[in-house]
Amino acid sequence: MGDDVTFPVGYYDLHPDVTLNFQLNRFWNWVGEPQMLDELRRVAPNLTNYDEWIGQLLALGERALGESRMLAGAYLVRAAEFFMSADDPRRRGARQTFLDTVLTQCGVGLDQHHDVAYGQATMSAYRLTPASPRGVMVVFGGFDSYIEEWLPMLLALRDAGLDVVGFDGPGQGAALEAGLPMTAEWHKPVGAVLDHFAVDDVILMGFSLGGCLVMRAAAYEPRVSRVIADDILTDFTACFAYRLAAPQKALLVNAGLLPAAMVNRMINRARSRNLLVDWGIGNAETVFGVNTPAEALAAVRAMRTDDVSSRITQDVLLMAGAEDHYVPLTQLGAQIQTLMNARSVTARLFTRAESAQNHCQIGNLGLSLQVILGWLDEHTGHSGLNAGRPAVD
């Protein structure tokens, strides 16, 4: 995988649950293999609980690896691992299988991996440098991904001439495995990465919850010259509450006003009735390094951008899906309105007609890449960044 990085176009109705359907499309989009899509169609009706999801996707992944369909196998194993609990004995092995396989398939070697000092631990990073770099881009994910999942996109950015650094910060991937909980002070891990690589004048890009984190970092890090939020995310609490029934939504939004014991009791009751509430709260406890739902929701409330956006003075690209089922579309307008001191603000709304209406443009990652590179052409003066790709309207 390298100069020939391509992404499929299309978002498929694989599962009746909107979130589970998204996750199946998400992992398939990194592979684009017709056989994998057929397999997902076949097993999707049986994916009604965590055990079925994990067992069936893990079996598909292991079979694909046995058939030397390595990239499909890697992402199927990762899809299975996605819903494994932190104490699941299969989780460590599944994670390592994914990492080993995807790094090999993407041609990323040990010499491109870096351990970045951060406090008493380290963060995992990769530097992917082209022959003639045109700029430095630092990239990270969000609430539930590993940076290695994004390697096909990072390689495409490298092949477009960017010196790409991708890393897992606190609460993500290897950093979380090392015991680093997520922090709202995201400029600190970003600063550590910039120090490690001795870079300045960087493009900073965050995916998913990273669209919030990138704003929080850029507000306090002067070495960042351009900011890309893919997707926008101004208020993580609102995302947690989005699409929940009214009583559950009211509980999440008002949790900070209620006694912790009451919040814990009511959230635990909701978790017993809703698989995705259970996963979301459980993952938040793990990511933020806390032990109760009330503590998790307090950490979630700190993930916002309205308190830092006025400090941002860089060029900013905001990306949003018209039908994002995680992030309310109202957050796009909210983010624009608070960037009154930015050098420039560009907003791009992706639609169903483009097969890019979903979170992080799952369904048309190639268009996402095209828009990013087109915007960089306009704001860096390096017209060659988008060489060979169609112009962005």
Protein backbone atom coordinates (compact mmCIF):
# COMPACT_ATOMS: atom_id res chain seq x y z
CA MET A 1 0.00 0.00 0.00
CA GLY A 2 1.47 3.38 -0.99
CA ASP A 3 1.05 5.46 -4.14
CA ASP A 4 -1.96 3.35 -5.13
CA VAL A 5 -4.03 4.18 -2.02
CA THR A 6 -7.66 4.36 -3.09
CA PHE A 7 -10.91 4.39 -1.14
CA PRO A 8 -14.29 2.93 -2.08
CA VAL A 9 -17.37 5.08 -2.61
CA GLY A 10 -20.61 3.95 -1.03
CA TYR A 11 -22.40 3.59 2.30
CA TYR A 12 -24.43 0.42 2.72
CA ASP A 13 -27.49 -0.61 4.71
CA LEU A 14 -25.97 -3.58 6.52
CA HIS A 15 -27.65 -3.40 9.93
CA PRO A 16 -30.92 -1.83 11.15
CA ASP A 17 -29.21 -0.10 14.07
CA VAL A 18 -27.71 3.16 12.80
CA THR A 19 -24.62 2.95 15.02
CA LEU A 20 -23.85 -0.69 14.32
CA ASN A 21 -24.41 -0.05 10.62
CA PHE A 22 -21.91 2.80 10.81
CA GLN A 23 -19.30 0.63 12.50
CA LEU A 24 -19.60 -2.07 9.83
CA ASN A 25 -19.26 0.54 7.08
CA ARG A 26 -16.40 2.21 8.94
CA PHE A 27 -14.15 -0.83 9.01
CA TRP A 28 -15.08 -1.89 5.48
CA ASN A 29 -14.23 1.57 4.10
CA TRP A 30 -10.56 1.06 4.95
CA VAL A 31 -10.48 -2.14 2.88
CA GLY A 32 -13.01 -1.83 0.06
CA GLU A 33 -12.93 -5.55 -0.68
CA PRO A 34 -16.15 -6.92 -2.28
CA GLN A 35 -15.81 -10.27 -0.50
CA MET A 36 -15.60 -8.56 2.90
CA LEU A 37 -18.74 -6.57 2.09
CA ASP A 38 -20.59 -9.75 1.12
CA GLU A 39 -19.50 -11.40 4.38
CA LEU A 40 -20.70 -8.45 6.43
CA ARG A 41 -24.06 -8.55 4.67
CA ARG A 42 -24.36 -12.23 5.48
CA VAL A 43 -23.59 -12.01 9.21
CA ALA A 44 -25.12 -8.61 10.00
CA PRO A 45 -28.63 -9.94 10.83
CA ASN A 46 -27.07 -12.08 13.57
CA LEU A 47 -25.21 -9.21 15.25
CA THR A 48 -27.75 -8.52 17.99
CA ASN A 49 -25.48 -8.38 21.04
CA TYR A 50 -21.82 -7.99 21.95
CA ASP A 51 -21.11 -11.71 22.07
CA GLU A 52 -22.47 -12.30 18.57
CA TRP A 53 -20.68 -9.23 17.19
CA ILE A 54 -17.34 -10.25 18.65
CA GLY A 55 -17.61 -13.95 17.88
CA GLN A 56 -18.81 -13.67 14.30
CA LEU A 57 -16.51 -10.84 13.22
CA LEU A 58 -13.52 -12.45 14.91
CA ALA A 59 -14.24 -15.68 13.04
CA LEU A 60 -14.50 -13.78 9.75
CA GLY A 61 -11.23 -12.00 10.47
CA GLU A 62 -9.35 -15.16 11.31
CA ARG A 63 -10.71 -16.85 8.19
CA ALA A 64 -9.66 -13.90 6.02
CA LEU A 65 -6.15 -13.99 7.47
CA GLY A 66 -6.01 -17.71 6.78
CA GLU A 67 -6.96 -16.98 3.17
CA SER A 68 -4.19 -14.34 2.90
CA ARG A 69 -6.76 -11.54 2.65
CA MET A 70 -4.60 -9.68 5.09
CA LEU A 71 -6.05 -6.16 5.13
CA ALA A 72 -9.62 -7.47 5.32
CA GLY A 73 -8.58 -9.82 8.10
CA ALA A 74 -6.91 -7.02 10.04
CA TYR A 75 -9.94 -4.72 9.98
CA LEU A 76 -12.39 -7.54 10.72
CA VAL A 77 -10.36 -8.47 13.79
CA ARG A 78 -10.31 -4.80 14.80
CA ALA A 79 -14.08 -4.61 14.30
CA ALA A 80 -14.47 -7.57 16.65
CA GLU A 81 -12.11 -6.04 19.20
CA PHE A 82 -14.05 -2.76 19.08
CA PHE A 83 -16.76 -4.10 21.41
CA MET A 84 -14.52 -6.25 23.62
CA SER A 85 -14.49 -5.10 27.23
CA ALA A 86 -11.23 -3.98 28.80
CA ASP A 87 -11.00 -7.25 30.74
CA ASP A 88 -11.81 -9.53 27.80
CA PRO A 89 -8.90 -12.01 27.57
CA ARG A 90 -9.14 -11.91 23.76
CA ARG A 91 -8.64 -8.16 23.51
CA ARG A 92 -4.86 -7.92 23.77
CA GLY A 93 -4.32 -10.64 21.18
CA ALA A 94 -6.86 -9.15 18.78
CA ARG A 95 -5.30 -5.70 19.11
CA GLN A 96 -1.81 -7.08 18.45
CA THR A 97 -3.02 -9.06 15.43
CA PHE A 98 -4.55 -5.90 13.98
CA LEU A 99 -1.45 -3.81 14.62
CA ASP A 100 1.04 -6.32 13.26
CA THR A 101 -1.01 -7.00 10.15
CA VAL A 102 -1.98 -3.46 9.23
CA LEU A 103 1.56 -2.14 9.74
CA THR A 104 2.93 -4.87 7.48
CA GLN A 105 0.26 -4.34 4.83
CA CYS A 106 0.83 -0.58 4.87
CA GLY A 107 4.59 -0.99 4.65
CA VAL A 108 5.26 0.95 7.86
CA GLY A 109 8.51 -0.15 9.48
CA LEU A 110 10.03 0.10 12.93
CA ASP A 111 12.23 2.97 11.77
CA GLN A 112 9.07 5.04 11.24
CA HIS A 113 7.79 4.46 14.76
CA HIS A 114 8.65 6.80 17.64
CA ASP A 115 8.07 6.75 21.38
CA VAL A 116 7.29 10.31 22.45
CA ALA A 117 8.01 11.14 26.08
CA TYR A 118 4.97 12.40 27.97
CA GLY A 119 5.08 12.66 31.74
CA GLN A 120 6.21 9.34 33.16
CA ALA A 121 5.04 7.41 30.08
CA THR A 122 5.34 7.54 26.30
CA MET A 123 2.97 8.09 23.40
CA SER A 124 3.17 6.07 20.19
CA ALA A 125 3.76 8.01 16.96
CA TYR A 126 4.61 7.36 13.33
CA ARG A 127 6.40 9.69 10.94
CA LEU A 128 5.70 9.14 7.25
CA THR A 129 7.96 11.41 5.21
CA PRO A 130 7.89 11.79 1.40
CA ALA A 131 10.98 12.42 -0.71
CA SER A 132 10.29 16.17 -0.99
CA PRO A 133 8.04 17.26 1.88
CA ARG A 134 5.88 20.34 1.33
CA GLY A 135 4.76 20.78 4.92
CA VAL A 136 4.30 18.99 8.23
CA MET A 137 0.92 17.62 9.25
CA VAL A 138 0.27 16.20 12.74
CA VAL A 139 -2.77 13.94 13.00
CA PHE A 140 -4.68 12.14 15.77
CA GLY A 141 -7.99 10.37 16.27
CA GLY A 142 -10.71 10.62 18.87
CA PHE A 143 -12.72 8.55 21.33
CA ASP A 144 -12.49 5.01 20.02
CA SER A 145 -9.85 4.62 17.30
CA TYR A 146 -6.17 3.76 17.08
CA ILE A 147 -3.92 5.91 14.91
CA GLU A 148 -3.01 2.72 13.04
CA GLU A 149 -6.61 2.51 11.78
CA TRP A 150 -6.01 5.74 9.91
CA LEU A 151 -2.81 4.57 8.21
CA PRO A 152 -4.35 4.33 4.71
CA MET A 153 -5.37 7.99 4.99
CA LEU A 154 -2.00 9.01 6.45
CA LEU A 155 -0.21 7.25 3.59
CA ALA A 156 -2.38 9.05 1.05
CA LEU A 157 -1.51 12.37 2.70
CA ARG A 158 2.17 11.44 2.60
CA ASP A 159 1.90 10.51 -1.07
CA ALA A 160 0.43 13.98 -1.67
CA GLY A 161 3.66 15.51 -0.38
CA LEU A 162 3.01 16.00 3.32
CA ASP A 163 5.42 15.01 6.08
CA VAL A 164 2.85 13.23 8.24
CA VAL A 165 3.11 12.54 11.96
CA GLY A 166 0.28 10.44 13.36
CA PHE A 167 0.06 9.73 17.08
CA ASP A 168 -2.11 8.31 19.83
CA GLY A 169 -2.51 10.81 22.64
CA PRO A 170 -3.71 10.18 26.20
CA GLY A 171 -6.81 8.02 26.21
CA GLN A 172 -6.08 6.62 22.76
CA GLY A 173 -4.54 3.39 21.51
CA ALA A 174 -1.08 2.66 22.86
CA ALA A 175 -1.15 5.67 25.20
CA LEU A 176 -4.30 4.33 26.84
CA GLU A 177 -2.69 0.89 27.09
CA ALA A 178 0.22 2.61 28.87
CA GLY A 179 -2.17 4.05 31.45
CA LEU A 180 -2.53 7.62 30.15
CA PRO A 181 -6.14 8.84 30.50
CA MET A 182 -7.57 11.38 28.08
CA THR A 183 -7.17 15.05 28.96
CA ALA A 184 -8.98 18.19 27.84
CA GLU A 185 -5.60 19.96 27.93
CA TRP A 186 -4.77 18.54 24.51
CA HIS A 187 -2.13 21.17 23.80
CA LYS A 188 0.12 19.30 26.22
CA PRO A 189 0.40 16.02 24.26
CA VAL A 190 0.51 17.97 21.00
CA GLY A 191 3.31 20.11 22.41
CA ALA A 192 5.23 16.99 23.42
CA VAL A 193 4.93 15.64 19.87
CA LEU A 194 6.08 18.92 18.33
CA ASP A 195 9.03 19.00 20.75
CA HIS A 196 10.00 15.41 19.95
CA PHE A 197 10.07 15.99 16.20
CA ALA A 198 11.37 19.59 16.48
CA VAL A 199 8.73 20.91 14.06
CA ASP A 200 7.05 24.28 13.69
CA ASP A 201 4.47 25.84 11.36
CA VAL A 202 2.45 22.62 11.39
CA ILE A 203 -0.96 21.63 10.09
CA LEU A 204 -2.91 20.02 12.94
CA MET A 205 -5.76 17.65 12.12
CA GLY A 206 -8.09 15.72 14.41
CA PHE A 207 -10.58 13.03 13.42
CA SER A 208 -13.93 12.44 15.16
CA LEU A 209 -13.61 13.64 18.80
CA GLY A 210 -10.27 14.88 17.51
CA GLY A 211 -12.28 17.68 15.90
CA CYS A 212 -12.82 18.99 19.43
CA LEU A 213 -9.32 18.16 20.63
CA VAL A 214 -7.71 19.93 17.68
CA MET A 215 -9.40 23.18 18.69
CA ARG A 216 -8.36 22.78 22.29
CA ALA A 217 -4.75 22.25 21.20
CA ALA A 218 -4.58 25.00 18.58
CA ALA A 219 -5.93 27.54 21.07
CA TYR A 220 -2.75 27.24 23.15
CA GLU A 221 -0.07 25.99 20.73
CA PRO A 222 1.54 28.77 18.62
CA ARG A 223 3.47 26.28 16.48
CA VAL A 224 0.18 25.28 14.83
CA SER A 225 -0.49 27.38 11.74
CA ARG A 226 -3.49 25.57 10.22
CA VAL A 227 -6.30 23.58 11.83
CA ILE A 228 -8.50 20.85 10.34
CA ALA A 229 -11.47 19.46 12.28
CA ASP A 230 -12.77 16.26 10.67
CA ASP A 231 -15.49 16.26 11.99
CA ILE A 232 -16.43 19.33 13.93
CA LEU A 233 -17.38 18.56 17.52
CA THR A 234 -18.14 21.44 19.84
CA ASP A 235 -19.90 19.69 22.74
CA PHE A 236 -19.23 16.04 23.56
CA THR A 237 -22.09 15.87 26.07
CA ALA A 238 -24.56 16.76 23.32
CA CYS A 239 -23.05 14.00 21.19
CA PHE A 240 -23.47 11.49 24.01
CA ALA A 241 -27.10 12.52 24.39
CA TYR A 242 -27.88 12.73 20.67
CA ARG A 243 -30.51 10.20 19.50
CA LEU A 244 -31.30 9.03 23.04
CA ALA A 245 -34.86 8.98 24.31
CA ALA A 246 -35.91 12.19 26.06
CA PRO A 247 -35.53 10.90 29.67
CA GLN A 248 -32.03 9.53 29.02
CA LYS A 249 -31.03 12.68 27.15
CA ALA A 250 -32.20 14.89 30.02
CA LEU A 251 -30.23 12.77 32.48
CA LEU A 252 -26.97 13.08 30.52
CA VAL A 253 -27.34 16.80 29.86
CA ASN A 254 -28.19 17.61 33.49
CA ALA A 255 -25.87 15.11 35.18
CA GLY A 256 -23.63 17.87 36.49
CA LEU A 257 -26.53 19.32 38.47
CA LEU A 258 -27.51 16.06 40.18
CA PRO A 259 -25.97 14.11 43.08
CA ALA A 260 -23.36 11.65 41.81
CA ALA A 261 -25.06 8.70 43.52
CA MET A 262 -28.31 9.45 41.70
CA VAL A 263 -26.51 9.79 38.36
CA ASN A 264 -24.69 6.50 38.86
CA ARG A 265 -27.87 4.67 39.79
CA MET A 266 -29.89 6.02 36.86
CA ILE A 267 -27.12 5.58 34.28
CA ASN A 268 -26.47 2.01 35.38
CA ARG A 269 -30.17 1.29 34.98
CA ALA A 270 -30.06 2.74 31.45
CA ARG A 271 -26.95 0.69 30.66
CA SER A 272 -28.77 -2.51 31.51
CA ARG A 273 -31.40 -1.69 28.87
CA ASN A 274 -29.35 -0.19 26.05
CA LEU A 275 -26.23 -1.83 24.59
CA LEU A 276 -24.84 1.35 23.10
CA VAL A 277 -25.36 3.40 26.27
CA ASP A 278 -23.56 0.61 28.09
CA TRP A 279 -20.68 0.69 25.61
CA GLY A 280 -20.45 4.50 25.55
CA ILE A 281 -20.31 4.90 29.33
CA GLY A 282 -17.99 1.93 29.75
CA ASN A 283 -15.63 3.24 27.09
CA ALA A 284 -15.71 6.71 28.67
CA GLU A 285 -14.74 5.25 32.05
CA THR A 286 -11.82 3.47 30.39
CA VAL A 287 -10.69 6.38 28.20
CA PHE A 288 -10.86 8.96 30.99
CA GLY A 289 -9.46 6.64 33.65
CA VAL A 290 -12.43 6.89 36.03
CA ASN A 291 -14.61 4.37 37.84
CA THR A 292 -18.20 5.63 37.78
CA PRO A 293 -20.69 7.01 35.25
CA ALA A 294 -20.85 10.33 37.10
CA GLU A 295 -17.07 10.74 36.84
CA ALA A 296 -17.14 9.74 33.17
CA LEU A 297 -19.82 12.31 32.35
CA ALA A 298 -17.89 15.01 34.22
CA ALA A 299 -14.88 14.27 32.00
CA VAL A 300 -17.11 14.30 28.91
CA ARG A 301 -18.40 17.77 29.86
CA ALA A 302 -14.86 19.15 29.63
CA MET A 303 -14.71 18.14 25.98
CA ARG A 304 -16.05 21.31 24.39
CA THR A 305 -14.75 24.14 22.25
CA ASP A 306 -16.78 27.22 23.19
CA ASP A 307 -14.36 28.01 26.02
CA VAL A 308 -11.26 28.05 23.77
CA SER A 309 -12.37 28.93 20.23
CA SER A 310 -11.92 32.68 20.64
CA ARG A 311 -8.19 32.05 21.18
CA ILE A 312 -7.76 30.41 17.77
CA THR A 313 -6.00 32.68 15.26
CA GLN A 314 -5.05 30.15 12.58
CA ASP A 315 -6.64 29.19 9.25
CA VAL A 316 -9.37 26.66 10.04
CA LEU A 317 -11.12 24.00 7.95
CA LEU A 318 -14.34 22.62 9.44
CA MET A 319 -15.77 19.39 8.01
CA ALA A 320 -19.21 17.99 8.81
CA GLY A 321 -21.58 15.29 7.60
CA ALA A 322 -25.13 16.36 6.82
CA GLU A 323 -26.46 13.16 8.43
CA ASP A 324 -23.82 12.52 11.08
CA HIS A 325 -25.53 10.31 13.67
CA TYR A 326 -22.97 11.15 16.38
CA VAL A 327 -22.58 14.93 16.04
CA PRO A 328 -25.67 17.17 15.74
CA LEU A 329 -25.39 19.33 12.62
CA THR A 330 -26.15 22.42 14.73
CA GLN A 331 -22.60 22.12 16.07
CA LEU A 332 -21.21 23.24 12.69
CA GLY A 333 -22.88 26.63 12.99
CA ALA A 334 -21.96 26.84 16.66
CA GLN A 335 -18.30 26.26 15.85
CA ILE A 336 -18.26 28.85 13.07
CA GLN A 337 -19.77 31.51 15.33
CA THR A 338 -17.10 31.12 18.01
CA LEU A 339 -14.09 31.41 15.67
CA MET A 340 -14.27 35.20 15.48
CA ASN A 341 -10.48 35.64 15.75
CA ALA A 342 -9.37 32.96 13.28
CA ARG A 343 -7.34 34.10 10.27
CA SER A 344 -9.86 32.36 8.02
CA VAL A 345 -12.66 29.82 8.41
CA THR A 346 -13.75 27.40 5.71
CA ALA A 347 -16.70 25.07 6.32
CA ARG A 348 -17.49 22.04 4.14
CA LEU A 349 -20.75 20.14 4.55
CA PHE A 350 -20.74 16.65 3.01
CA THR A 351 -24.02 15.25 1.67
CA ARG A 352 -25.81 12.02 0.81
CA ALA A 353 -25.44 12.80 -2.92
CA GLU A 354 -21.68 12.50 -2.38
CA SER A 355 -21.99 9.31 -0.27
CA ALA A 356 -20.19 11.35 2.40
CA GLN A 357 -23.04 12.40 4.68
CA ASN A 358 -21.84 10.32 7.62
CA HIS A 359 -19.44 10.85 10.48
CA CYS A 360 -15.88 11.47 9.20
CA GLN A 361 -17.16 11.00 5.62
CA ILE A 362 -17.33 7.23 5.97
CA GLY A 363 -18.68 6.27 2.56
CA ASN A 364 -16.37 8.54 0.57
CA LEU A 365 -13.00 8.97 2.27
CA GLY A 366 -11.48 9.84 -1.09
CA LEU A 367 -13.62 12.97 -1.29
CA SER A 368 -12.60 13.88 2.24
CA LEU A 369 -8.96 13.59 1.21
CA GLN A 370 -9.58 15.68 -1.89
CA VAL A 371 -11.20 18.48 0.11
CA ILE A 372 -8.38 18.52 2.67
CA LEU A 373 -5.71 18.72 -0.02
CA GLY A 374 -7.62 21.33 -1.99
CA TRP A 375 -7.93 23.52 1.09
CA LEU A 376 -4.23 23.13 1.83
CA ASP A 377 -3.42 24.14 -1.75
CA GLU A 378 -5.30 27.38 -1.15
CA HIS A 379 -3.75 28.09 2.24
CA THR A 380 -0.15 27.00 1.82
CA GLY A 381 0.69 28.06 -1.72
CA HIS A 382 1.84 24.53 -2.58
CA SER A 383 -0.27 23.77 -5.64
CA GLY A 384 1.53 20.45 -6.05
CA LEU A 385 -0.11 19.10 -2.90
CA ASN A 386 -3.16 18.19 -4.93
CA ALA A 387 -1.40 17.11 -8.09
CA GLY A 388 -3.31 14.51 -10.01
CA ARG A 389 -6.56 14.99 -8.08
CA PRO A 390 -9.69 16.72 -9.35
CA ALA A 391 -10.25 20.27 -8.21
CA VAL A 392 -12.57 20.94 -5.29
CA ASP A 393 -15.64 22.99 -6.04
